[in-house]
Amino acid sequence: MNAPADLPVPNPPRVRKPDWIRVKAPTSEGYAETRRLMRSLKLATVCEEAACPNIGECWTKKHATVMILGDTCTRACAFCNVKTGMPRAVDPFEPQNTAIAAAELGLEHIVVTSVDRDDLPDGGASQFVKVIEALRRETPKTTIEILTPDFRNKSEEAVARIVDAGPDVYNHNLETVPRLYPTIRPGARYYASLRLLESVKRRNPAIFTKSGVMVGLGEQRLEVHQVMDDMRSADIDFLTMGQYLQPTPRHATVEEFVTPDAFKAYGAIARAKGFLLVAASPLTRSSYHAGDDFKKMQAARAERLAR
């Protein structure tokens, strides 16, 4: 029987998180200092905008992931908490302020990401280049990891410009298995994202490439294994895997909370497939422990070349 038209339809109850996925609310002084610095420089962070569960731990250590090109995305992916709408004009001070933040935080390794900017002729690639140049100029010892969107319909030129600017790591997340793209990542194309990462390696094999997927969205185990194979075919060095968490009731629901043991199994399979590095756990996110992982990738590459 249908509910009367004048009665609101209740939202389905949210599934309770298991113990292994819970984190403490951020309260440290380091967290407060990092937040004050980001606000003073008018910088957005994906840590805040995407409601990352690791923000307390990372900001206590003064590790923040800067999100350039503003805080408003031109797409509306079903998993992402970043707001959608018409973005403001690109901030010309953002590259220099990002470099100031890196210097103030004393970052040995910085991760820079962005919203999708389909409204811009180059998708925002020139701003990534300016940020890399500012960091090289102001904090030359800081290693740089970028996490870019797919630059839909303009990826070849955009990627070439960014790669030529010389980041140390180029990350672009596939996010999920191909079957779920129409509902989870409708504005993107799975194979276009793979080709983007493959093109980075073709242009500069020395740059580490990295990609991540979320699990718990209804994917099948063998589908995840196929994504791993596709990534290796594109010569991707580093795979990150984490649990999808529903940011609001409006977003895609969590179909499954994948156990820590299942993550360990995924990680073992991924390492057997030949990735230089694998990070797979419920709370793994793209920039989580990124600096330590960069050093591990360097060591793994050196060891492989020495064989």
Protein backbone atom coordinates (compact mmCIF):
# COMPACT_ATOMS: atom_id res chain seq x y z
CA MET A 1 0.00 0.00 0.00
CA ASN A 2 1.38 3.42 -0.94
CA ALA A 3 1.91 6.11 1.70
CA PRO A 4 -0.65 8.97 1.62
CA ALA A 5 0.52 11.81 -0.60
CA ASP A 6 0.55 14.31 2.27
CA LEU A 7 2.89 12.22 4.44
CA PRO A 8 6.68 12.46 3.98
CA VAL A 9 8.41 9.28 2.91
CA PRO A 10 11.09 8.50 5.52
CA ASN A 11 14.68 8.01 4.45
CA PRO A 12 15.93 4.43 4.80
CA PRO A 13 17.85 3.91 8.06
CA ARG A 14 21.61 4.35 7.75
CA VAL A 15 23.63 1.23 8.39
CA ARG A 16 25.66 1.33 11.60
CA LYS A 17 29.40 1.42 10.99
CA PRO A 18 31.39 -1.54 12.30
CA ASP A 19 34.00 -0.95 14.99
CA TRP A 20 36.92 -1.12 12.57
CA ILE A 21 35.71 1.90 10.60
CA ARG A 22 35.14 4.33 13.48
CA VAL A 23 37.49 7.20 14.22
CA LYS A 24 37.72 9.82 16.94
CA ALA A 25 36.57 13.38 16.35
CA PRO A 26 39.49 15.74 15.66
CA THR A 27 40.39 17.84 18.71
CA SER A 28 44.18 18.27 18.75
CA GLU A 29 46.03 21.59 18.67
CA GLY A 30 47.82 20.46 15.49
CA TYR A 31 44.43 20.02 13.84
CA ALA A 32 43.37 23.50 14.90
CA GLU A 33 46.62 25.05 13.64
CA THR A 34 46.30 23.34 10.25
CA ARG A 35 42.71 24.53 9.92
CA ARG A 36 43.66 28.12 10.79
CA LEU A 37 46.42 28.11 8.19
CA MET A 38 44.13 26.81 5.43
CA ARG A 39 41.53 29.46 6.27
CA SER A 40 44.06 32.29 6.40
CA LEU A 41 45.36 31.36 2.93
CA LYS A 42 41.83 30.83 1.55
CA LEU A 43 42.67 27.27 0.51
CA ALA A 44 40.14 24.47 0.22
CA THR A 45 41.11 20.96 1.29
CA VAL A 46 39.69 17.66 0.14
CA CYS A 47 40.11 16.51 3.74
CA GLU A 48 37.22 18.80 4.74
CA GLU A 49 35.17 18.94 1.56
CA ALA A 50 35.08 15.16 1.09
CA ALA A 51 34.59 14.50 4.83
CA CYS A 52 37.66 12.26 5.04
CA PRO A 53 37.60 10.04 8.15
CA ASN A 54 41.36 10.46 8.61
CA ILE A 55 41.34 14.25 8.94
CA GLY A 56 42.02 14.21 12.67
CA GLU A 57 45.09 11.99 12.36
CA CYS A 58 46.52 13.73 9.30
CA TRP A 59 45.94 17.32 10.41
CA THR A 60 47.41 16.59 13.82
CA LYS A 61 50.60 15.77 11.90
CA LYS A 62 50.03 18.89 9.76
CA HIS A 63 49.45 16.83 6.62
CA ALA A 64 46.72 18.47 4.53
CA THR A 65 45.66 17.77 0.94
CA VAL A 66 45.03 21.04 -0.89
CA MET A 67 42.08 21.11 -3.29
CA ILE A 68 42.70 23.72 -5.98
CA LEU A 69 40.31 25.35 -8.45
CA GLY A 70 37.86 26.21 -5.68
CA ASP A 71 35.47 24.14 -3.61
CA THR A 72 32.63 23.66 -6.13
CA CYS A 73 32.59 20.82 -8.67
CA THR A 74 30.86 20.84 -12.05
CA ARG A 75 29.88 17.18 -11.64
CA ALA A 76 27.69 15.30 -9.18
CA CYS A 77 29.19 11.86 -8.56
CA ALA A 78 27.05 9.65 -6.34
CA PHE A 79 29.87 8.95 -3.85
CA CYS A 80 31.40 12.40 -3.41
CA ASN A 81 30.60 14.98 -0.73
CA VAL A 82 32.14 17.95 -2.58
CA LYS A 83 29.40 20.45 -3.44
CA THR A 84 28.17 20.77 -7.00
CA GLY A 85 27.28 23.94 -8.88
CA MET A 86 28.73 26.79 -10.91
CA PRO A 87 32.28 27.42 -9.62
CA ARG A 88 33.76 30.82 -9.01
CA ALA A 89 36.58 32.25 -11.12
CA VAL A 90 39.96 30.60 -10.65
CA ASP A 91 41.96 32.24 -7.84
CA PRO A 92 45.24 33.61 -9.25
CA PHE A 93 46.80 33.54 -5.76
CA GLU A 94 46.04 29.84 -5.21
CA PRO A 95 49.38 28.49 -6.56
CA GLN A 96 51.48 30.80 -4.39
CA ASN A 97 49.28 30.22 -1.35
CA THR A 98 49.62 26.47 -1.82
CA ALA A 99 53.40 26.85 -1.78
CA ILE A 100 53.19 29.05 1.34
CA ALA A 101 51.07 26.37 3.04
CA ALA A 102 53.61 23.67 2.15
CA ALA A 103 56.41 25.78 3.62
CA GLU A 104 54.45 26.70 6.78
CA LEU A 105 53.47 23.07 7.40
CA GLY A 106 57.02 21.87 6.72
CA LEU A 107 55.80 19.31 4.21
CA GLU A 108 58.32 16.88 2.76
CA HIS A 109 55.58 15.60 0.44
CA ILE A 110 52.42 17.41 -0.65
CA VAL A 111 49.29 16.09 -2.33
CA VAL A 112 47.36 18.51 -4.52
CA THR A 113 43.97 17.62 -5.95
CA SER A 114 41.07 19.55 -7.48
CA VAL A 115 37.40 19.62 -8.23
CA ASP A 116 36.27 18.87 -11.80
CA ARG A 117 36.16 22.08 -13.82
CA ASP A 118 34.41 21.14 -17.05
CA ASP A 119 33.64 24.85 -17.48
CA LEU A 120 37.29 25.72 -18.16
CA PRO A 121 38.84 25.34 -21.65
CA ASP A 122 41.71 23.24 -20.28
CA GLY A 123 39.79 21.66 -17.40
CA GLY A 124 42.06 23.49 -14.97
CA ALA A 125 45.32 21.89 -16.14
CA SER A 126 47.11 25.26 -16.26
CA GLN A 127 46.39 25.79 -12.55
CA PHE A 128 48.00 22.45 -11.72
CA VAL A 129 51.06 23.57 -13.70
CA LYS A 130 51.21 26.89 -11.83
CA VAL A 131 50.93 25.11 -8.48
CA ILE A 132 53.76 22.72 -9.37
CA GLU A 133 55.92 25.63 -10.52
CA ALA A 134 55.22 27.60 -7.32
CA LEU A 135 56.09 24.60 -5.15
CA ARG A 136 59.33 23.96 -7.05
CA ARG A 137 60.25 27.60 -6.62
CA GLU A 138 59.31 28.06 -2.95
CA THR A 139 59.84 24.58 -1.45
CA PRO A 140 62.20 22.80 -3.87
CA LYS A 141 62.80 19.86 -1.53
CA THR A 142 59.09 19.02 -1.24
CA THR A 143 58.05 16.11 -3.43
CA ILE A 144 54.80 16.68 -5.29
CA GLU A 145 51.88 14.33 -5.81
CA ILE A 146 48.92 15.45 -7.87
CA LEU A 147 45.49 13.86 -7.99
CA THR A 148 43.71 15.12 -11.08
CA PRO A 149 40.25 14.78 -12.59
CA ASP A 150 39.86 13.10 -15.98
CA PHE A 151 39.88 16.37 -18.02
CA ARG A 152 36.98 15.03 -20.06
CA ASN A 153 37.40 15.56 -23.83
CA LYS A 154 40.65 17.46 -23.30
CA SER A 155 42.83 14.97 -21.44
CA GLU A 156 45.66 14.54 -23.96
CA GLU A 157 46.83 18.15 -23.96
CA ALA A 158 46.01 18.67 -20.27
CA VAL A 159 47.99 15.63 -19.15
CA ALA A 160 50.94 16.52 -21.38
CA ARG A 161 51.21 20.00 -19.84
CA ILE A 162 51.03 18.66 -16.28
CA VAL A 163 53.49 15.81 -16.87
CA ASP A 164 55.96 18.23 -18.44
CA ALA A 165 55.75 20.36 -15.27
CA GLY A 166 57.34 17.42 -13.46
CA PRO A 167 55.29 16.12 -10.52
CA ASP A 168 56.78 13.15 -8.71
CA VAL A 169 53.51 11.20 -8.56
CA TYR A 170 50.51 11.40 -10.89
CA ASN A 171 47.33 10.05 -9.31
CA HIS A 172 43.94 9.66 -10.95
CA ASN A 173 41.35 7.45 -9.30
CA LEU A 174 39.25 4.91 -11.18
CA GLU A 175 37.00 4.85 -8.08
CA THR A 176 34.95 1.74 -8.91
CA VAL A 177 34.39 -1.13 -11.35
CA PRO A 178 33.18 -0.40 -14.90
CA ARG A 179 29.70 -1.84 -14.32
CA LEU A 180 28.95 0.75 -11.63
CA TYR A 181 30.12 3.83 -13.56
CA PRO A 182 26.64 4.82 -14.87
CA THR A 183 25.30 5.18 -11.33
CA ILE A 184 28.42 5.99 -9.26
CA ARG A 185 30.58 8.04 -11.63
CA PRO A 186 28.19 9.01 -14.46
CA GLY A 187 30.22 11.94 -15.80
CA ALA A 188 33.33 9.83 -16.39
CA ARG A 189 34.38 6.91 -18.59
CA TYR A 190 36.34 4.00 -17.16
CA TYR A 191 38.58 3.35 -20.17
CA ALA A 192 39.24 7.07 -20.68
CA SER A 193 40.61 7.19 -17.13
CA LEU A 194 42.80 4.17 -17.81
CA ARG A 195 44.12 5.76 -21.01
CA LEU A 196 44.90 8.96 -19.09
CA LEU A 197 47.15 7.09 -16.65
CA GLU A 198 48.72 5.11 -19.46
CA SER A 199 49.54 8.35 -21.29
CA VAL A 200 51.40 9.68 -18.22
CA LYS A 201 53.77 6.71 -18.35
CA ARG A 202 54.25 7.02 -22.09
CA ARG A 203 55.24 10.66 -21.77
CA ASN A 204 57.48 10.26 -18.71
CA PRO A 205 58.15 6.72 -17.41
CA ALA A 206 60.00 8.15 -14.38
CA ILE A 207 56.80 9.59 -12.86
CA PHE A 208 55.07 7.23 -10.44
CA THR A 209 51.44 6.58 -11.34
CA LYS A 210 48.78 5.83 -8.79
CA SER A 211 45.07 5.04 -8.76
CA GLY A 212 42.46 4.12 -6.20
CA VAL A 213 39.17 2.27 -5.89
CA MET A 214 36.44 2.19 -3.27
CA VAL A 215 34.79 -1.05 -2.24
CA GLY A 216 31.44 -1.62 -0.61
CA LEU A 217 29.38 -0.18 -3.47
CA GLY A 218 28.07 -3.52 -4.71
CA GLU A 219 31.08 -4.60 -6.80
CA GLN A 220 31.92 -8.28 -7.15
CA ARG A 221 35.29 -9.70 -6.10
CA LEU A 222 36.24 -10.81 -9.62
CA GLU A 223 35.34 -7.36 -10.96
CA VAL A 224 37.86 -5.84 -8.55
CA HIS A 225 40.48 -8.36 -9.72
CA GLN A 226 39.80 -7.29 -13.33
CA VAL A 227 40.31 -3.63 -12.40
CA MET A 228 43.67 -4.62 -10.93
CA ASP A 229 44.60 -6.34 -14.20
CA ASP A 230 43.50 -3.29 -16.19
CA MET A 231 45.63 -1.06 -13.98
CA ARG A 232 48.67 -3.24 -14.44
CA SER A 233 48.11 -3.21 -18.22
CA ALA A 234 48.30 0.59 -17.96
CA ASP A 235 51.55 0.24 -15.95
CA ILE A 236 50.12 1.83 -12.81
CA ASP A 237 52.60 1.62 -9.93
CA PHE A 238 50.49 2.13 -6.83
CA LEU A 239 47.00 0.89 -5.97
CA THR A 240 44.98 2.25 -3.04
CA MET A 241 41.80 0.53 -1.84
CA GLY A 242 39.44 1.76 0.86
CA GLN A 243 35.92 1.37 2.18
CA TYR A 244 33.25 3.60 0.68
CA LEU A 245 31.41 5.58 3.35
CA GLN A 246 28.11 7.30 2.57
CA PRO A 247 28.61 11.01 3.30
CA THR A 248 24.88 11.92 3.39
CA PRO A 249 21.57 10.12 2.83
CA ARG A 250 21.47 11.70 -0.66
CA HIS A 251 24.54 9.74 -1.76
CA ALA A 252 24.93 6.13 -2.85
CA THR A 253 24.27 3.68 -0.06
CA VAL A 254 26.88 1.37 1.42
CA GLU A 255 26.10 -2.11 0.12
CA GLU A 256 28.72 -3.84 2.26
CA PHE A 257 31.28 -3.08 4.94
CA VAL A 258 34.27 -5.03 3.68
CA THR A 259 36.18 -6.70 6.52
CA PRO A 260 39.84 -6.03 7.31
CA ASP A 261 40.62 -9.65 6.38
CA ALA A 262 39.01 -9.18 2.96
CA PHE A 263 41.16 -6.08 2.44
CA LYS A 264 44.25 -8.11 3.32
CA ALA A 265 43.24 -10.68 0.70
CA TYR A 266 42.74 -7.98 -1.93
CA GLY A 267 46.13 -6.53 -1.04
CA ALA A 268 47.88 -9.89 -1.37
CA ILE A 269 46.32 -10.46 -4.79
CA ALA A 270 47.27 -6.96 -5.95
CA ARG A 271 50.89 -7.42 -4.86
CA ALA A 272 51.01 -10.73 -6.71
CA LYS A 273 49.86 -8.93 -9.85
CA GLY A 274 52.97 -6.77 -9.78
CA PHE A 275 52.14 -3.35 -8.32
CA LEU A 276 55.12 -1.56 -6.82
CA LEU A 277 53.00 -0.69 -3.81
CA VAL A 278 49.54 -1.53 -2.49
CA ALA A 279 47.62 0.15 0.35
CA ALA A 280 44.40 -1.70 1.16
CA SER A 281 42.45 -1.19 4.37
CA PRO A 282 39.04 0.14 5.39
CA LEU A 283 40.36 3.65 6.10
CA THR A 284 42.82 3.88 3.19
CA ARG A 285 42.32 7.03 1.11
CA SER A 286 44.32 8.43 -1.81
CA SER A 287 46.49 10.78 0.21
CA TYR A 288 46.56 8.83 3.48
CA HIS A 289 50.23 8.37 4.52
CA ALA A 290 51.18 9.58 1.02
CA GLY A 291 54.63 10.82 2.04
CA ASP A 292 55.63 7.54 3.66
CA ASP A 293 54.20 5.63 0.71
CA PHE A 294 56.22 7.74 -1.74
CA LYS A 295 59.43 6.69 0.01
CA LYS A 296 58.29 3.06 -0.11
CA MET A 297 57.65 3.36 -3.86
CA GLN A 298 61.09 4.79 -4.42
CA ALA A 299 62.64 1.91 -2.47
CA ALA A 300 60.53 -0.68 -4.29
CA ARG A 301 61.51 0.70 -7.69
CA ALA A 302 65.20 0.75 -6.75
CA GLU A 303 64.97 -2.84 -5.55
CA ARG A 304 63.21 -3.96 -8.73
CA LEU A 305 65.77 -2.22 -10.96
CA ALA A 306 68.61 -3.82 -9.01
CA ARG A 307 67.42 -7.36 -9.72
